Amino acid sequence: MKFYGLAIFVLIVGISTAAHIHDDGEPGCKTPEELEVVNYRNNWDPTRYWACTQDGGPAVSLKCPHGQAWLDSQKNCVDWENWDWEEPTHPPSKP
């Protein structure tokens, strides 16, 4: 029972802190930073991420390998047991 209470609390806190992010995190690929960092979190699907492949071009949606999720702090796909929720952020520019 304690686990469910904690899970509900974490969910509510996560939703309330991420409430200001309403988009999927797709970058506009318009800034030097976006072309240098290249990969960005998909705010709606932890198994996907965005890649800037050309200046001003549309970002490409990529999927992590099976059993993995995107961990933005590492800018890489990691196994689910190593994945932790991180607060979403906006990319430097939007499409």
PDB file of N, CA and C in Angstrom:
ATOM      1  N   MET A   1       0.819  -1.196   0.000  1.00  0.00           N
ATOM      2  CA  MET A   1       0.000   0.000   0.000  1.00  0.00           C
ATOM      3  C   MET A   1       0.865   1.262   0.000  1.00  0.00           C
ATOM      4  N   LYS A   2       1.966   1.231   0.774  1.00  0.00           N
ATOM      5  CA  LYS A   2       2.845   2.393   0.801  1.00  0.00           C
ATOM      6  C   LYS A   2       3.411   2.675  -0.586  1.00  0.00           C
ATOM      7  N   PHE A   3       3.727   1.607  -1.341  1.00  0.00           N
ATOM      8  CA  PHE A   3       4.284   1.773  -2.684  1.00  0.00           C
ATOM      9  C   PHE A   3       3.314   2.534  -3.573  1.00  0.00           C
ATOM     10  N   TYR A   4       2.030   2.189  -3.532  1.00  0.00           N
ATOM     11  CA  TYR A   4       1.049   2.865  -4.376  1.00  0.00           C
ATOM     12  C   TYR A   4       0.915   4.334  -4.003  1.00  0.00           C
ATOM     13  N   GLY A   5       0.944   4.624  -2.721  1.00  0.00           N
ATOM     14  CA  GLY A   5       0.875   6.018  -2.278  1.00  0.00           C
ATOM     15  C   GLY A   5       2.073   6.809  -2.764  1.00  0.00           C
ATOM     16  N   LEU A   6       3.261   6.204  -2.674  1.00  0.00           N
ATOM     17  CA  LEU A   6       4.472   6.858  -3.154  1.00  0.00           C
ATOM     18  C   LEU A   6       4.434   7.028  -4.664  1.00  0.00           C
ATOM     19  N   ALA A   7       3.972   6.015  -5.381  1.00  0.00           N
ATOM     20  CA  ALA A   7       3.895   6.089  -6.840  1.00  0.00           C
ATOM     21  C   ALA A   7       2.939   7.197  -7.272  1.00  0.00           C
ATOM     22  N   ILE A   8       1.812   7.312  -6.616  1.00  0.00           N
ATOM     23  CA  ILE A   8       0.842   8.368  -6.940  1.00  0.00           C
ATOM     24  C   ILE A   8       1.444   9.739  -6.646  1.00  0.00           C
ATOM     25  N   PHE A   9       2.141   9.868  -5.518  1.00  0.00           N
ATOM     26  CA  PHE A   9       2.786  11.136  -5.170  1.00  0.00           C
ATOM     27  C   PHE A   9       3.812  11.523  -6.227  1.00  0.00           C
ATOM     28  N   VAL A  10       4.664  10.593  -6.629  1.00  0.00           N
ATOM     29  CA  VAL A  10       5.693  10.868  -7.638  1.00  0.00           C
ATOM     30  C   VAL A  10       5.034  11.264  -8.958  1.00  0.00           C
ATOM     31  N   LEU A  11       3.974  10.580  -9.337  1.00  0.00           N
ATOM     32  CA  LEU A  11       3.264  10.901 -10.570  1.00  0.00           C
ATOM     33  C   LEU A  11       2.686  12.309 -10.522  1.00  0.00           C
ATOM     34  N   ILE A  12       2.061  12.670  -9.433  1.00  0.00           N
ATOM     35  CA  ILE A  12       1.457  14.003  -9.295  1.00  0.00           C
ATOM     36  C   ILE A  12       2.540  15.077  -9.328  1.00  0.00           C
ATOM     37  N   VAL A  13       3.626  14.870  -8.620  1.00  0.00           N
ATOM     38  CA  VAL A  13       4.719  15.845  -8.619  1.00  0.00           C
ATOM     39  C   VAL A  13       5.306  15.966 -10.020  1.00  0.00           C
ATOM     40  N   GLY A  14       5.507  14.834 -10.690  1.00  0.00           N
ATOM     41  CA  GLY A  14       6.045  14.856 -12.051  1.00  0.00           C
ATOM     42  C   GLY A  14       5.147  15.599 -13.006  1.00  0.00           C
ATOM     43  N   ILE A  15       3.862  15.356 -12.927  1.00  0.00           N
ATOM     44  CA  ILE A  15       2.909  16.027 -13.807  1.00  0.00           C
ATOM     45  C   ILE A  15       2.867  17.523 -13.502  1.00  0.00           C
ATOM     46  N   SER A  16       2.858  17.878 -12.241  1.00  0.00           N
ATOM     47  CA  SER A  16       2.753  19.304 -11.901  1.00  0.00           C
ATOM     48  C   SER A  16       4.023  20.065 -12.265  1.00  0.00           C
ATOM     49  N   THR A  17       5.201  19.442 -12.131  1.00  0.00           N
ATOM     50  CA  THR A  17       6.427  20.160 -12.482  1.00  0.00           C
ATOM     51  C   THR A  17       6.636  20.211 -13.980  1.00  0.00           C
ATOM     52  N   ALA A  18       6.096  19.247 -14.718  1.00  0.00           N
ATOM     53  CA  ALA A  18       6.260  19.232 -16.172  1.00  0.00           C
ATOM     54  C   ALA A  18       5.084  19.884 -16.890  1.00  0.00           C
ATOM     55  N   ALA A  19       4.153  20.434 -16.131  1.00  0.00           N
ATOM     56  CA  ALA A  19       2.939  20.980 -16.734  1.00  0.00           C
ATOM     57  C   ALA A  19       3.236  22.145 -17.682  1.00  0.00           C
ATOM     58  N   HIS A  20       4.345  22.815 -17.505  1.00  0.00           N
ATOM     59  CA  HIS A  20       4.666  23.955 -18.361  1.00  0.00           C
ATOM     60  C   HIS A  20       5.220  23.518 -19.712  1.00  0.00           C
ATOM     61  N   ILE A  21       5.553  22.258 -19.896  1.00  0.00           N
ATOM     62  CA  ILE A  21       6.049  21.739 -21.173  1.00  0.00           C
ATOM     63  C   ILE A  21       4.862  21.081 -21.894  1.00  0.00           C
ATOM     64  N   HIS A  22       4.448  21.677 -23.003  1.00  0.00           N
ATOM     65  CA  HIS A  22       3.278  21.175 -23.706  1.00  0.00           C
ATOM     66  C   HIS A  22       3.610  20.559 -25.056  1.00  0.00           C
ATOM     67  N   ASP A  23       4.870  20.614 -25.458  1.00  0.00           N
ATOM     68  CA  ASP A  23       5.216  20.080 -26.772  1.00  0.00           C
ATOM     69  C   ASP A  23       6.088  18.840 -26.639  1.00  0.00           C
ATOM     70  N   ASP A  24       6.357  18.221 -27.763  1.00  0.00           N
ATOM     71  CA  ASP A  24       7.115  16.969 -27.755  1.00  0.00           C
ATOM     72  C   ASP A  24       8.625  17.166 -27.711  1.00  0.00           C
ATOM     73  N   GLY A  25       9.091  18.405 -27.639  1.00  0.00           N
ATOM     74  CA  GLY A  25      10.513  18.680 -27.508  1.00  0.00           C
ATOM     75  C   GLY A  25      11.274  18.729 -28.816  1.00  0.00           C
ATOM     76  N   GLU A  26      10.570  18.679 -29.942  1.00  0.00           N
ATOM     77  CA  GLU A  26      11.259  18.697 -31.234  1.00  0.00           C
ATOM     78  C   GLU A  26      12.040  20.000 -31.401  1.00  0.00           C
ATOM     79  N   PRO A  27      13.344  19.903 -31.670  1.00  0.00           N
ATOM     80  CA  PRO A  27      14.134  21.116 -31.888  1.00  0.00           C
ATOM     81  C   PRO A  27      13.932  21.654 -33.299  1.00  0.00           C
ATOM     82  N   GLY A  28      14.217  22.936 -33.469  1.00  0.00           N
ATOM     83  CA  GLY A  28      14.097  23.557 -34.781  1.00  0.00           C
ATOM     84  C   GLY A  28      15.329  23.360 -35.652  1.00  0.00           C
ATOM     85  N   CYS A  29      16.427  22.896 -35.042  1.00  0.00           N
ATOM     86  CA  CYS A  29      17.692  22.672 -35.770  1.00  0.00           C
ATOM     87  C   CYS A  29      18.154  23.958 -36.460  1.00  0.00           C
ATOM     88  N   LYS A  30      17.975  25.090 -35.761  1.00  0.00           N
ATOM     89  CA  LYS A  30      18.288  26.401 -36.330  1.00  0.00           C
ATOM     90  C   LYS A  30      19.490  27.074 -35.680  1.00  0.00           C
ATOM     91  N   THR A  31      20.011  26.515 -34.592  1.00  0.00           N
ATOM     92  CA  THR A  31      21.099  27.171 -33.871  1.00  0.00           C
ATOM     93  C   THR A  31      22.353  26.308 -33.906  1.00  0.00           C
ATOM     94  N   PRO A  32      23.523  26.938 -33.770  1.00  0.00           N
ATOM     95  CA  PRO A  32      24.763  26.154 -33.718  1.00  0.00           C
ATOM     96  C   PRO A  32      24.748  25.126 -32.581  1.00  0.00           C
ATOM     97  N   GLU A  33      24.146  25.488 -31.448  1.00  0.00           N
ATOM     98  CA  GLU A  33      24.074  24.562 -30.311  1.00  0.00           C
ATOM     99  C   GLU A  33      23.318  23.286 -30.691  1.00  0.00           C
ATOM    100  N   GLU A  34      22.210  23.443 -31.410  1.00  0.00           N
ATOM    101  CA  GLU A  34      21.419  22.265 -31.790  1.00  0.00           C
ATOM    102  C   GLU A  34      22.184  21.362 -32.747  1.00  0.00           C
ATOM    103  N   LEU A  35      22.989  21.934 -33.599  1.00  0.00           N
ATOM    104  CA  LEU A  35      23.768  21.124 -34.525  1.00  0.00           C
ATOM    105  C   LEU A  35      24.992  20.509 -33.843  1.00  0.00           C
ATOM    106  N   GLU A  36      25.423  21.110 -32.731  1.00  0.00           N
ATOM    107  CA  GLU A  36      26.552  20.557 -31.981  1.00  0.00           C
ATOM    108  C   GLU A  36      26.088  19.467 -31.016  1.00  0.00           C
ATOM    109  N   VAL A  37      25.004  19.730 -30.284  1.00  0.00           N
ATOM    110  CA  VAL A  37      24.468  18.751 -29.334  1.00  0.00           C
ATOM    111  C   VAL A  37      23.814  17.602 -30.091  1.00  0.00           C
ATOM    112  N   VAL A  38      23.142  17.893 -31.169  1.00  0.00           N
ATOM    113  CA  VAL A  38      22.518  16.974 -32.120  1.00  0.00           C
ATOM    114  C   VAL A  38      21.261  16.295 -31.586  1.00  0.00           C
ATOM    115  N   ASN A  39      21.325  15.573 -30.478  1.00  0.00           N
ATOM    116  CA  ASN A  39      20.188  14.761 -30.021  1.00  0.00           C
ATOM    117  C   ASN A  39      19.461  15.395 -28.847  1.00  0.00           C
ATOM    118  N   TYR A  40      18.126  15.354 -28.917  1.00  0.00           N
ATOM    119  CA  TYR A  40      17.276  15.954 -27.892  1.00  0.00           C
ATOM    120  C   TYR A  40      16.166  15.004 -27.492  1.00  0.00           C
ATOM    121  N   ARG A  41      15.769  15.106 -26.256  1.00  0.00           N
ATOM    122  CA  ARG A  41      14.720  14.270 -25.680  1.00  0.00           C
ATOM    123  C   ARG A  41      13.385  14.489 -26.385  1.00  0.00           C
ATOM    124  N   ASN A  42      12.640  13.410 -26.580  1.00  0.00           N
ATOM    125  CA  ASN A  42      11.242  13.500 -26.982  1.00  0.00           C
ATOM    126  C   ASN A  42      10.453  13.558 -25.678  1.00  0.00           C
ATOM    127  N   ASN A  43       9.771  14.656 -25.443  1.00  0.00           N
ATOM    128  CA  ASN A  43       9.080  14.855 -24.163  1.00  0.00           C
ATOM    129  C   ASN A  43       7.856  13.974 -23.983  1.00  0.00           C
ATOM    130  N   TRP A  44       7.366  13.366 -25.036  1.00  0.00           N
ATOM    131  CA  TRP A  44       6.162  12.548 -24.940  1.00  0.00           C
ATOM    132  C   TRP A  44       6.444  11.052 -24.947  1.00  0.00           C
ATOM    133  N   ASP A  45       7.608  10.639 -25.401  1.00  0.00           N
ATOM    134  CA  ASP A  45       7.910   9.209 -25.526  1.00  0.00           C
ATOM    135  C   ASP A  45       9.358   8.963 -25.115  1.00  0.00           C
ATOM    136  N   PRO A  46       9.599   8.357 -23.954  1.00  0.00           N
ATOM    137  CA  PRO A  46      10.973   8.166 -23.496  1.00  0.00           C
ATOM    138  C   PRO A  46      11.777   7.180 -24.345  1.00  0.00           C
ATOM    139  N   THR A  47      11.120   6.436 -25.202  1.00  0.00           N
ATOM    140  CA  THR A  47      11.854   5.501 -26.062  1.00  0.00           C
ATOM    141  C   THR A  47      12.314   6.164 -27.358  1.00  0.00           C
ATOM    142  N   ARG A  48      11.971   7.440 -27.540  1.00  0.00           N
ATOM    143  CA  ARG A  48      12.336   8.160 -28.769  1.00  0.00           C
ATOM    144  C   ARG A  48      13.125   9.423 -28.423  1.00  0.00           C
ATOM    145  N   TYR A  49      13.862   9.905 -29.406  1.00  0.00           N
ATOM    146  CA  TYR A  49      14.599  11.158 -29.261  1.00  0.00           C
ATOM    147  C   TYR A  49      14.678  11.827 -30.626  1.00  0.00           C
ATOM    148  N   TRP A  50      15.053  13.106 -30.626  1.00  0.00           N
ATOM    149  CA  TRP A  50      15.145  13.908 -31.844  1.00  0.00           C
ATOM    150  C   TRP A  50      16.603  14.101 -32.224  1.00  0.00           C
ATOM    151  N   ALA A  51      16.895  14.112 -33.508  1.00  0.00           N
ATOM    152  CA  ALA A  51      18.252  14.370 -33.999  1.00  0.00           C
ATOM    153  C   ALA A  51      18.222  15.481 -35.030  1.00  0.00           C
ATOM    154  N   CYS A  52      19.111  16.460 -34.863  1.00  0.00           N
ATOM    155  CA  CYS A  52      19.298  17.510 -35.864  1.00  0.00           C
ATOM    156  C   CYS A  52      20.392  17.030 -36.816  1.00  0.00           C
ATOM    157  N   THR A  53      20.045  16.861 -38.074  1.00  0.00           N
ATOM    158  CA  THR A  53      21.009  16.345 -39.045  1.00  0.00           C
ATOM    159  C   THR A  53      21.458  17.400 -40.050  1.00  0.00           C
ATOM    160  N   GLN A  54      20.685  18.492 -40.167  1.00  0.00           N
ATOM    161  CA  GLN A  54      21.092  19.562 -41.084  1.00  0.00           C
ATOM    162  C   GLN A  54      20.587  20.904 -40.576  1.00  0.00           C
ATOM    163  N   ASP A  55      21.341  21.947 -40.846  1.00  0.00           N
ATOM    164  CA  ASP A  55      21.001  23.288 -40.410  1.00  0.00           C
ATOM    165  C   ASP A  55      19.673  23.722 -41.015  1.00  0.00           C
ATOM    166  N   GLY A  56      18.722  24.044 -40.147  1.00  0.00           N
ATOM    167  CA  GLY A  56      17.417  24.509 -40.587  1.00  0.00           C
ATOM    168  C   GLY A  56      16.504  23.411 -41.091  1.00  0.00           C
ATOM    169  N   GLY A  57      16.995  22.195 -41.193  1.00  0.00           N
ATOM    170  CA  GLY A  57      16.164  21.084 -41.659  1.00  0.00           C
ATOM    171  C   GLY A  57      15.306  20.553 -40.529  1.00  0.00           C
ATOM    172  N   PRO A  58      14.326  19.748 -40.847  1.00  0.00           N
ATOM    173  CA  PRO A  58      13.483  19.187 -39.790  1.00  0.00           C
ATOM    174  C   PRO A  58      14.262  18.176 -38.955  1.00  0.00           C
ATOM    175  N   ALA A  59      13.960  18.117 -37.673  1.00  0.00           N
ATOM    176  CA  ALA A  59      14.566  17.112 -36.799  1.00  0.00           C
ATOM    177  C   ALA A  59      14.026  15.736 -37.190  1.00  0.00           C
ATOM    178  N   VAL A  60      14.851  14.742 -36.994  1.00  0.00           N
ATOM    179  CA  VAL A  60      14.472  13.362 -37.306  1.00  0.00           C
ATOM    180  C   VAL A  60      14.142  12.656 -35.995  1.00  0.00           C
ATOM    181  N   SER A  61      13.019  11.942 -35.969  1.00  0.00           N
ATOM    182  CA  SER A  61      12.634  11.180 -34.794  1.00  0.00           C
ATOM    183  C   SER A  61      13.266   9.792 -34.873  1.00  0.00           C
ATOM    184  N   LEU A  62      14.032   9.449 -33.840  1.00  0.00           N
ATOM    185  CA  LEU A  62      14.705   8.153 -33.791  1.00  0.00           C
ATOM    186  C   LEU A  62      14.234   7.370 -32.570  1.00  0.00           C
ATOM    187  N   LYS A  63      14.336   6.048 -32.640  1.00  0.00           N
ATOM    188  CA  LYS A  63      13.887   5.181 -31.555  1.00  0.00           C
ATOM    189  C   LYS A  63      15.078   4.472 -30.929  1.00  0.00           C
ATOM    190  N   CYS A  64      15.073   4.413 -29.605  1.00  0.00           N
ATOM    191  CA  CYS A  64      16.106   3.667 -28.894  1.00  0.00           C
ATOM    192  C   CYS A  64      15.947   2.178 -29.188  1.00  0.00           C
ATOM    193  N   PRO A  65      17.024   1.401 -29.044  1.00  0.00           N
ATOM    194  CA  PRO A  65      16.915  -0.049 -29.200  1.00  0.00           C
ATOM    195  C   PRO A  65      15.920  -0.638 -28.199  1.00  0.00           C
ATOM    196  N   HIS A  66      15.391  -1.786 -28.524  1.00  0.00           N
ATOM    197  CA  HIS A  66      14.421  -2.474 -27.656  1.00  0.00           C
ATOM    198  C   HIS A  66      14.989  -2.605 -26.235  1.00  0.00           C
ATOM    199  N   GLY A  67      14.177  -2.276 -25.252  1.00  0.00           N
ATOM    200  CA  GLY A  67      14.585  -2.387 -23.850  1.00  0.00           C
ATOM    201  C   GLY A  67      15.354  -1.186 -23.335  1.00  0.00           C
ATOM    202  N   GLN A  68      15.404  -0.115 -24.141  1.00  0.00           N
ATOM    203  CA  GLN A  68      16.128   1.075 -23.714  1.00  0.00           C
ATOM    204  C   GLN A  68      15.252   2.317 -23.846  1.00  0.00           C
ATOM    205  N   ALA A  69      15.664   3.381 -23.139  1.00  0.00           N
ATOM    206  CA  ALA A  69      14.970   4.667 -23.175  1.00  0.00           C
ATOM    207  C   ALA A  69      16.017   5.775 -23.210  1.00  0.00           C
ATOM    208  N   TRP A  70      15.613   6.938 -23.708  1.00  0.00           N
ATOM    209  CA  TRP A  70      16.512   8.080 -23.835  1.00  0.00           C
ATOM    210  C   TRP A  70      16.692   8.746 -22.476  1.00  0.00           C
ATOM    211  N   LEU A  71      17.936   8.920 -22.061  1.00  0.00           N
ATOM    212  CA  LEU A  71      18.256   9.629 -20.832  1.00  0.00           C
ATOM    213  C   LEU A  71      18.975  10.908 -21.237  1.00  0.00           C
ATOM    214  N   ASP A  72      18.274  12.030 -21.120  1.00  0.00           N
ATOM    215  CA  ASP A  72      18.775  13.295 -21.658  1.00  0.00           C
ATOM    216  C   ASP A  72      20.082  13.735 -21.015  1.00  0.00           C
ATOM    217  N   SER A  73      20.253  13.484 -19.721  1.00  0.00           N
ATOM    218  CA  SER A  73      21.485  13.908 -19.053  1.00  0.00           C
ATOM    219  C   SER A  73      22.712  13.187 -19.608  1.00  0.00           C
ATOM    220  N   GLN A  74      22.514  12.008 -20.175  1.00  0.00           N
ATOM    221  CA  GLN A  74      23.620  11.269 -20.784  1.00  0.00           C
ATOM    222  C   GLN A  74      23.632  11.399 -22.309  1.00  0.00           C
ATOM    223  N   LYS A  75      22.571  12.018 -22.851  1.00  0.00           N
ATOM    224  CA  LYS A  75      22.433  12.167 -24.310  1.00  0.00           C
ATOM    225  C   LYS A  75      22.632  10.826 -25.011  1.00  0.00           C
ATOM    226  N   ASN A  76      21.971   9.807 -24.441  1.00  0.00           N
ATOM    227  CA  ASN A  76      22.137   8.466 -24.966  1.00  0.00           C
ATOM    228  C   ASN A  76      20.965   7.592 -24.522  1.00  0.00           C
ATOM    229  N   CYS A  77      20.753   6.502 -25.244  1.00  0.00           N
ATOM    230  CA  CYS A  77      19.787   5.489 -24.832  1.00  0.00           C
ATOM    231  C   CYS A  77      20.445   4.622 -23.762  1.00  0.00           C
ATOM    232  N   VAL A  78      19.691   4.311 -22.716  1.00  0.00           N
ATOM    233  CA  VAL A  78      20.197   3.469 -21.633  1.00  0.00           C
ATOM    234  C   VAL A  78      19.181   2.368 -21.362  1.00  0.00           C
ATOM    235  N   ASP A  79      19.625   1.298 -20.734  1.00  0.00           N
ATOM    236  CA  ASP A  79      18.706   0.235 -20.328  1.00  0.00           C
ATOM    237  C   ASP A  79      17.686   0.799 -19.344  1.00  0.00           C
ATOM    238  N   TRP A  80      16.473   0.258 -19.389  1.00  0.00           N
ATOM    239  CA  TRP A  80      15.407   0.779 -18.531  1.00  0.00           C
ATOM    240  C   TRP A  80      15.803   0.797 -17.056  1.00  0.00           C
ATOM    241  N   GLU A  81      16.567  -0.186 -16.597  1.00  0.00           N
ATOM    242  CA  GLU A  81      16.918  -0.203 -15.170  1.00  0.00           C
ATOM    243  C   GLU A  81      17.850   0.950 -14.796  1.00  0.00           C
ATOM    244  N   ASN A  82      18.487   1.567 -15.782  1.00  0.00           N
ATOM    245  CA  ASN A  82      19.363   2.722 -15.535  1.00  0.00           C
ATOM    246  C   ASN A  82      18.682   4.048 -15.864  1.00  0.00           C
ATOM    247  N   TRP A  83      17.436   4.005 -16.313  1.00  0.00           N
ATOM    248  CA  TRP A  83      16.712   5.205 -16.706  1.00  0.00           C
ATOM    249  C   TRP A  83      15.999   5.813 -15.518  1.00  0.00           C
ATOM    250  N   ASP A  84      16.059   7.126 -15.389  1.00  0.00           N
ATOM    251  CA  ASP A  84      15.321   7.872 -14.374  1.00  0.00           C
ATOM    252  C   ASP A  84      14.587   9.008 -15.066  1.00  0.00           C
ATOM    253  N   TRP A  85      13.411   9.345 -14.566  1.00  0.00           N
ATOM    254  CA  TRP A  85      12.670  10.473 -15.114  1.00  0.00           C
ATOM    255  C   TRP A  85      13.457  11.749 -14.851  1.00  0.00           C
ATOM    256  N   GLU A  86      13.546  12.595 -15.850  1.00  0.00           N
ATOM    257  CA  GLU A  86      14.172  13.907 -15.717  1.00  0.00           C
ATOM    258  C   GLU A  86      13.178  14.948 -16.226  1.00  0.00           C
ATOM    259  N   GLU A  87      13.207  16.092 -15.609  1.00  0.00           N
ATOM    260  CA  GLU A  87      12.275  17.140 -16.015  1.00  0.00           C
ATOM    261  C   GLU A  87      12.546  17.559 -17.460  1.00  0.00           C
ATOM    262  N   PRO A  88      11.490  17.619 -18.282  1.00  0.00           N
ATOM    263  CA  PRO A  88      11.673  18.030 -19.679  1.00  0.00           C
ATOM    264  C   PRO A  88      12.096  19.490 -19.778  1.00  0.00           C
ATOM    265  N   THR A  89      12.821  19.782 -20.840  1.00  0.00           N
ATOM    266  CA  THR A  89      13.245  21.151 -21.114  1.00  0.00           C
ATOM    267  C   THR A  89      12.938  21.478 -22.568  1.00  0.00           C
ATOM    268  N   HIS A  90      12.917  22.763 -22.857  1.00  0.00           N
ATOM    269  CA  HIS A  90      12.717  23.186 -24.246  1.00  0.00           C
ATOM    270  C   HIS A  90      14.054  23.179 -24.984  1.00  0.00           C
ATOM    271  N   PRO A  91      14.066  22.797 -26.249  1.00  0.00           N
ATOM    272  CA  PRO A  91      15.293  22.933 -27.049  1.00  0.00           C
ATOM    273  C   PRO A  91      15.542  24.420 -27.326  1.00  0.00           C
ATOM    274  N   PRO A  92      16.748  24.772 -27.801  1.00  0.00           N
ATOM    275  CA  PRO A  92      17.056  26.182 -28.061  1.00  0.00           C
ATOM    276  C   PRO A  92      16.117  26.862 -29.060  1.00  0.00           C
ATOM    277  N   SER A  93      15.630  26.120 -30.081  1.00  0.00           N
ATOM    278  CA  SER A  93      14.677  26.714 -31.010  1.00  0.00           C
ATOM    279  C   SER A  93      13.575  25.707 -31.319  1.00  0.00           C
ATOM    280  N   LYS A  94      12.500  26.204 -31.888  1.00  0.00           N
ATOM    281  CA  LYS A  94      11.366  25.343 -32.242  1.00  0.00           C
ATOM    282  C   LYS A  94      11.224  25.318 -33.762  1.00  0.00           C
ATOM    283  N   PRO A  95      10.613  24.231 -34.288  1.00  0.00           N
ATOM    284  CA  PRO A  95      10.419  24.158 -35.758  1.00  0.00           C
ATOM    285  C   PRO A  95       9.486  25.242 -36.268  1.00  0.00           C
TER     286      PRO A  95
END
